[in-house]
Amino acid sequence: MNEHPIAAWHRLVASRNPVGLDALLAEDAVFLSPVVHSPQRGRKLTAWYLAAAFHVFFNPTFRYVREIIGESDAMLEFETTLEGVLVNGVDIIKWNPAGRIVEFKVMLRPLKAINLIHQRMAAMLQSTQ
């Protein structure tokens, strides 16, 4: 993969289109959610959760407000507003030497936002089964 994984992620976010997730994710990718207690393992599950998140999080108010990028991992802080609730969170992304994401962890605050995201993600995931 020639494009830096964070540049590729930003391109997908800017397009608000999850097409391209499979190419960005490693086969053994793991998704760690603030609302699901166990890690979701594998490219297919990780892509499924991230695609649902595209629909829940990405609206015109979504923006990354800070980035810390290392050699093989990054922390991207974001904000978005949903139903009048300011959602603040971080995406912690780790990639392998091939530039494919091997771990994607989402952390959220405040509690009201976590509860709202839990409801919306559950509804989105149920509608795509």
Protein backbone atom coordinates (compact mmCIF):
# COMPACT_ATOMS: atom_id res chain seq x y z
CA MET A 1 0.00 0.00 0.00
CA ASN A 2 1.59 3.29 -1.12
CA GLU A 3 -0.72 5.74 0.64
CA HIS A 4 -0.08 6.30 4.35
CA PRO A 5 -2.85 4.55 6.34
CA ILE A 6 -3.93 7.77 8.07
CA ALA A 7 -4.09 9.63 4.75
CA ALA A 8 -6.20 6.76 3.36
CA TRP A 9 -8.45 6.88 6.46
CA HIS A 10 -8.92 10.66 6.08
CA ARG A 11 -9.78 10.19 2.40
CA LEU A 12 -12.51 7.67 3.32
CA VAL A 13 -13.84 9.94 6.08
CA ALA A 14 -13.89 12.98 3.77
CA SER A 15 -15.86 11.02 1.17
CA ARG A 16 -18.24 9.71 3.88
CA ASN A 17 -18.05 6.43 1.97
CA PRO A 18 -16.82 3.19 3.57
CA VAL A 19 -15.90 1.67 0.20
CA GLY A 20 -12.19 1.04 0.47
CA LEU A 21 -12.21 -0.20 4.05
CA ASP A 22 -11.36 -3.76 2.98
CA ALA A 23 -8.21 -2.55 1.22
CA LEU A 24 -7.16 -0.54 4.27
CA LEU A 25 -7.71 -3.30 6.85
CA ALA A 26 -5.43 -6.26 7.53
CA GLU A 27 -7.03 -9.71 7.42
CA ASP A 28 -6.53 -10.03 11.21
CA ALA A 29 -7.75 -6.50 12.06
CA VAL A 30 -9.40 -5.97 15.46
CA PHE A 31 -12.07 -3.40 16.28
CA LEU A 32 -12.43 -2.25 19.89
CA SER A 33 -15.65 -0.40 20.62
CA PRO A 34 -16.74 1.65 23.61
CA VAL A 35 -20.15 -0.06 23.48
CA VAL A 36 -19.23 -3.69 22.74
CA HIS A 37 -17.41 -5.48 25.57
CA SER A 38 -15.38 -7.90 23.46
CA PRO A 39 -12.95 -7.19 20.62
CA GLN A 40 -14.39 -7.75 17.15
CA ARG A 41 -11.79 -9.77 15.24
CA GLY A 42 -11.17 -10.06 11.53
CA ARG A 43 -11.38 -7.78 8.50
CA LYS A 44 -15.04 -8.55 7.84
CA LEU A 45 -16.27 -7.66 11.36
CA THR A 46 -13.99 -4.65 11.65
CA ALA A 47 -15.21 -3.30 8.31
CA TRP A 48 -18.83 -3.97 9.31
CA TYR A 49 -18.49 -1.96 12.53
CA LEU A 50 -16.57 0.86 10.86
CA ALA A 51 -19.11 1.06 8.01
CA ALA A 52 -21.90 1.39 10.60
CA ALA A 53 -19.88 4.10 12.34
CA PHE A 54 -19.67 6.01 9.05
CA HIS A 55 -23.47 6.31 9.13
CA VAL A 56 -23.70 7.15 12.84
CA PHE A 57 -20.80 9.57 13.35
CA PHE A 58 -20.14 11.27 10.04
CA ASN A 59 -22.41 14.24 9.58
CA PRO A 60 -21.51 17.84 8.64
CA THR A 61 -20.41 18.55 12.24
CA PHE A 62 -17.82 15.73 12.36
CA ARG A 63 -14.23 16.91 12.48
CA TYR A 64 -10.87 15.76 13.71
CA VAL A 65 -9.47 18.33 16.15
CA ARG A 66 -6.08 16.80 17.02
CA GLU A 67 -3.74 14.13 15.71
CA ILE A 68 -0.75 12.40 17.20
CA ILE A 69 0.96 10.18 14.62
CA GLY A 70 3.82 7.77 15.23
CA GLU A 71 5.62 5.23 13.07
CA SER A 72 2.97 2.54 13.36
CA ASP A 73 0.08 4.08 15.26
CA ALA A 74 -1.95 7.26 15.62
CA MET A 75 -4.46 8.92 17.92
CA LEU A 76 -7.07 11.07 16.18
CA GLU A 77 -9.33 13.13 18.45
CA PHE A 78 -12.72 14.00 16.99
CA GLU A 79 -15.88 15.92 17.75
CA THR A 80 -19.36 15.65 16.31
CA THR A 81 -22.83 16.67 17.41
CA LEU A 82 -25.68 14.17 17.44
CA GLU A 83 -29.18 15.12 18.60
CA GLY A 84 -27.75 18.20 20.30
CA VAL A 85 -25.13 16.17 22.19
CA LEU A 86 -21.46 17.02 21.69
CA VAL A 87 -19.63 13.74 21.20
CA ASN A 88 -15.89 13.86 21.89
CA GLY A 89 -13.73 10.84 21.22
CA VAL A 90 -10.53 9.37 19.93
CA ASP A 91 -9.73 6.83 17.27
CA ILE A 92 -6.57 4.93 18.16
CA ILE A 93 -5.28 3.26 15.02
CA LYS A 94 -2.39 0.82 14.67
CA TRP A 95 -1.06 -0.48 11.35
CA ASN A 96 1.39 -3.13 10.22
CA PRO A 97 4.55 -2.65 8.08
CA ALA A 98 2.43 -3.17 4.94
CA GLY A 99 0.35 -0.11 5.90
CA ARG A 100 -2.80 -2.05 6.72
CA ILE A 101 -4.76 -1.29 9.87
CA VAL A 102 -4.46 -4.10 12.44
CA GLU A 103 -6.27 -2.40 15.34
CA PHE A 104 -8.92 0.31 15.49
CA LYS A 105 -10.02 1.42 18.96
CA VAL A 106 -12.70 4.04 19.63
CA MET A 107 -13.05 5.82 22.95
CA LEU A 108 -15.89 8.29 23.71
CA ARG A 109 -17.07 10.82 26.22
CA PRO A 110 -19.29 12.01 27.93
CA LEU A 111 -21.56 9.26 29.23
CA LYS A 112 -24.61 10.81 27.53
CA ALA A 113 -22.74 10.53 24.21
CA ILE A 114 -21.77 6.91 24.87
CA ASN A 115 -25.41 6.01 25.54
CA LEU A 116 -26.56 7.80 22.38
CA ILE A 117 -23.88 6.12 20.25
CA HIS A 118 -24.79 2.74 21.75
CA GLN A 119 -28.42 3.19 20.70
CA ARG A 120 -27.58 4.42 17.21
CA MET A 121 -24.92 1.78 16.51
CA ALA A 122 -27.22 -1.00 17.71
CA ALA A 123 -29.97 0.23 15.38
CA MET A 124 -27.56 0.58 12.45
CA LEU A 125 -26.02 -2.86 12.95
CA GLN A 126 -29.42 -4.52 13.28
CA SER A 127 -30.58 -2.91 10.05
CA THR A 128 -27.58 -4.27 8.13
CA GLN A 129 -27.81 -7.87 9.27
